[in-house]
């Protein structure tokens, strides 16, 4: 799990939101996993790291693989919130999750 995922998990717990499942394998035949998710709500959060330093999520093959993963998740009924580590640090990501997880 990325550092961003750990920090966001801590933020979720601190704000009193439902605890997420981490590294959840959502697809029946592929080995894809979500960083954080709430399986009962079919809501997941993926943290893209190294977006300004040429990391995996910004290179052609990585972008294409991510697009496939998120398209398959959507076909299975998942909502996936993609955030950057900067958005985790700034508090923007937890704000979105609070809105999505409101009962």
C-alpha atoms as a PDB file:
ATOM      1  CA  UNK A   1       0.000   0.000   0.000  1.00  0.00           C
ATOM      2  CA  UNK A   2       1.291   3.461  -0.822  1.00  0.00           C
ATOM      3  CA  UNK A   3       2.163   6.043   1.834  1.00  0.00           C
ATOM      4  CA  UNK A   4      -0.731   8.161   0.568  1.00  0.00           C
ATOM      5  CA  UNK A   5      -3.133   5.281   1.189  1.00  0.00           C
ATOM      6  CA  UNK A   6      -1.926   4.892   4.756  1.00  0.00           C
ATOM      7  CA  UNK A   7      -2.322   8.599   5.452  1.00  0.00           C
ATOM      8  CA  UNK A   8      -5.795   8.631   3.946  1.00  0.00           C
ATOM      9  CA  UNK A   9      -6.793   5.563   5.950  1.00  0.00           C
ATOM     10  CA  UNK A  10      -5.706   7.379   9.104  1.00  0.00           C
ATOM     11  CA  UNK A  11      -7.712  10.448   8.075  1.00  0.00           C
ATOM     12  CA  UNK A  12     -10.803   8.283   7.496  1.00  0.00           C
ATOM     13  CA  UNK A  13     -10.500   6.750  10.952  1.00  0.00           C
ATOM     14  CA  UNK A  14      -9.816  10.132  12.591  1.00  0.00           C
ATOM     15  CA  UNK A  15     -12.916  11.720  11.026  1.00  0.00           C
ATOM     16  CA  UNK A  16     -15.131   8.867  12.240  1.00  0.00           C
ATOM     17  CA  UNK A  17     -16.073   7.600   8.796  1.00  0.00           C
ATOM     18  CA  UNK A  18     -16.687   3.874   8.300  1.00  0.00           C
ATOM     19  CA  UNK A  19     -13.406   1.980   8.337  1.00  0.00           C
ATOM     20  CA  UNK A  20     -12.235   1.027   4.855  1.00  0.00           C
ATOM     21  CA  UNK A  21     -11.015  -2.311   3.639  1.00  0.00           C
ATOM     22  CA  UNK A  22      -7.496  -2.007   2.248  1.00  0.00           C
ATOM     23  CA  UNK A  23      -5.942  -3.818  -0.703  1.00  0.00           C
ATOM     24  CA  UNK A  24      -9.326  -5.277  -1.649  1.00  0.00           C
ATOM     25  CA  UNK A  25      -9.348  -7.615  -4.635  1.00  0.00           C
ATOM     26  CA  UNK A  26     -12.520  -6.603  -6.477  1.00  0.00           C
ATOM     27  CA  UNK A  27     -12.357  -8.515  -9.763  1.00  0.00           C
ATOM     28  CA  UNK A  28     -13.282 -12.212 -10.017  1.00  0.00           C
ATOM     29  CA  UNK A  29     -10.406 -13.201 -12.311  1.00  0.00           C
ATOM     30  CA  UNK A  30      -7.858 -10.358 -12.333  1.00  0.00           C
ATOM     31  CA  UNK A  31      -5.488  -9.578  -9.469  1.00  0.00           C
ATOM     32  CA  UNK A  32      -6.470  -5.886  -9.307  1.00  0.00           C
ATOM     33  CA  UNK A  33      -6.871  -4.371  -5.859  1.00  0.00           C
ATOM     34  CA  UNK A  34      -8.249  -1.099  -4.541  1.00  0.00           C
ATOM     35  CA  UNK A  35      -6.150   0.974  -2.122  1.00  0.00           C
ATOM     36  CA  UNK A  36      -9.180   1.666   0.084  1.00  0.00           C
ATOM     37  CA  UNK A  37     -12.762   0.562  -0.358  1.00  0.00           C
ATOM     38  CA  UNK A  38     -16.123   0.051   1.232  1.00  0.00           C
ATOM     39  CA  UNK A  39     -17.353  -3.182  -0.420  1.00  0.00           C
ATOM     40  CA  UNK A  40     -20.925  -2.917   0.893  1.00  0.00           C
ATOM     41  CA  UNK A  41     -21.249   0.454  -0.822  1.00  0.00           C
ATOM     42  CA  UNK A  42     -19.207  -0.513  -3.884  1.00  0.00           C
ATOM     43  CA  UNK A  43     -17.111   2.608  -3.303  1.00  0.00           C
ATOM     44  CA  UNK A  44     -13.350   2.605  -3.735  1.00  0.00           C
ATOM     45  CA  UNK A  45     -10.552   5.134  -3.508  1.00  0.00           C
ATOM     46  CA  UNK A  46      -7.330   4.858  -5.485  1.00  0.00           C
ATOM     47  CA  UNK A  47      -4.327   7.037  -4.684  1.00  0.00           C
ATOM     48  CA  UNK A  48      -2.076   7.895  -7.617  1.00  0.00           C
ATOM     49  CA  UNK A  49       1.415   8.675  -6.396  1.00  0.00           C
ATOM     50  CA  UNK A  50       4.363  10.282  -8.186  1.00  0.00           C
ATOM     51  CA  UNK A  51       2.134  12.135 -10.660  1.00  0.00           C
ATOM     52  CA  UNK A  52       4.620  15.002 -10.976  1.00  0.00           C
ATOM     53  CA  UNK A  53       7.759  12.883 -11.141  1.00  0.00           C
ATOM     54  CA  UNK A  54       6.916  10.614 -14.061  1.00  0.00           C
ATOM     55  CA  UNK A  55       5.575   7.761 -11.934  1.00  0.00           C
ATOM     56  CA  UNK A  56       3.661   4.761 -13.215  1.00  0.00           C
ATOM     57  CA  UNK A  57       0.324   6.584 -13.313  1.00  0.00           C
ATOM     58  CA  UNK A  58       1.631   9.183 -15.779  1.00  0.00           C
ATOM     59  CA  UNK A  59       3.374   6.976 -18.345  1.00  0.00           C
ATOM     60  CA  UNK A  60       1.520   5.563 -21.338  1.00  0.00           C
ATOM     61  CA  UNK A  61       1.421   1.902 -20.304  1.00  0.00           C
ATOM     62  CA  UNK A  62       0.446   2.762 -16.726  1.00  0.00           C
ATOM     63  CA  UNK A  63      -2.323   5.107 -17.832  1.00  0.00           C
ATOM     64  CA  UNK A  64      -3.680   2.445 -20.177  1.00  0.00           C
ATOM     65  CA  UNK A  65      -3.620  -0.250 -17.484  1.00  0.00           C
ATOM     66  CA  UNK A  66      -5.319   2.091 -15.009  1.00  0.00           C
ATOM     67  CA  UNK A  67      -8.018   2.896 -17.577  1.00  0.00           C
ATOM     68  CA  UNK A  68      -8.676  -0.828 -18.075  1.00  0.00           C
ATOM     69  CA  UNK A  69      -8.842  -1.452 -14.319  1.00  0.00           C
ATOM     70  CA  UNK A  70     -11.284   1.411 -13.719  1.00  0.00           C
ATOM     71  CA  UNK A  71     -13.453   0.505 -16.717  1.00  0.00           C
ATOM     72  CA  UNK A  72     -13.744  -3.079 -15.448  1.00  0.00           C
ATOM     73  CA  UNK A  73     -14.549  -1.804 -11.950  1.00  0.00           C
ATOM     74  CA  UNK A  74     -17.277   0.387 -13.378  1.00  0.00           C
ATOM     75  CA  UNK A  75     -18.709  -2.543 -15.340  1.00  0.00           C
ATOM     76  CA  UNK A  76     -18.967  -4.381 -12.010  1.00  0.00           C
ATOM     77  CA  UNK A  77     -20.897  -1.491 -10.466  1.00  0.00           C
ATOM     78  CA  UNK A  78     -18.084   0.215  -8.520  1.00  0.00           C
ATOM     79  CA  UNK A  79     -17.652   3.946  -8.013  1.00  0.00           C
ATOM     80  CA  UNK A  80     -13.942   4.762  -7.896  1.00  0.00           C
ATOM     81  CA  UNK A  81     -12.574   8.029  -6.546  1.00  0.00           C
ATOM     82  CA  UNK A  82      -9.069   8.684  -7.894  1.00  0.00           C
ATOM     83  CA  UNK A  83      -6.938  11.079  -5.902  1.00  0.00           C
ATOM     84  CA  UNK A  84      -3.305  12.165  -5.815  1.00  0.00           C
ATOM     85  CA  UNK A  85      -1.034  12.127  -2.794  1.00  0.00           C
ATOM     86  CA  UNK A  86      -1.145  15.945  -2.891  1.00  0.00           C
ATOM     87  CA  UNK A  87      -4.928  15.817  -2.556  1.00  0.00           C
ATOM     88  CA  UNK A  88      -4.551  13.434   0.393  1.00  0.00           C
ATOM     89  CA  UNK A  89      -2.067  15.791   2.096  1.00  0.00           C
ATOM     90  CA  UNK A  90      -4.208  18.884   1.461  1.00  0.00           C
ATOM     91  CA  UNK A  91      -7.352  17.298   2.920  1.00  0.00           C
ATOM     92  CA  UNK A  92      -9.228  17.489  -0.363  1.00  0.00           C
ATOM     93  CA  UNK A  93      -9.475  13.686  -0.665  1.00  0.00           C
ATOM     94  CA  UNK A  94     -10.986  13.197   2.796  1.00  0.00           C
ATOM     95  CA  UNK A  95     -13.494  15.945   2.022  1.00  0.00           C
ATOM     96  CA  UNK A  96     -14.679  14.045  -1.051  1.00  0.00           C
ATOM     97  CA  UNK A  97     -14.878  10.807   0.921  1.00  0.00           C
ATOM     98  CA  UNK A  98     -16.926  12.501   3.640  1.00  0.00           C
ATOM     99  CA  UNK A  99     -19.422  13.607   1.008  1.00  0.00           C
ATOM    100  CA  UNK A 100     -19.516  10.159  -0.625  1.00  0.00           C
ATOM    101  CA  UNK A 101     -19.864   8.261   2.656  1.00  0.00           C
ATOM    102  CA  UNK A 102     -22.591  10.376   4.231  1.00  0.00           C
ATOM    103  CA  UNK A 103     -25.531   8.200   5.205  1.00  0.00           C
END
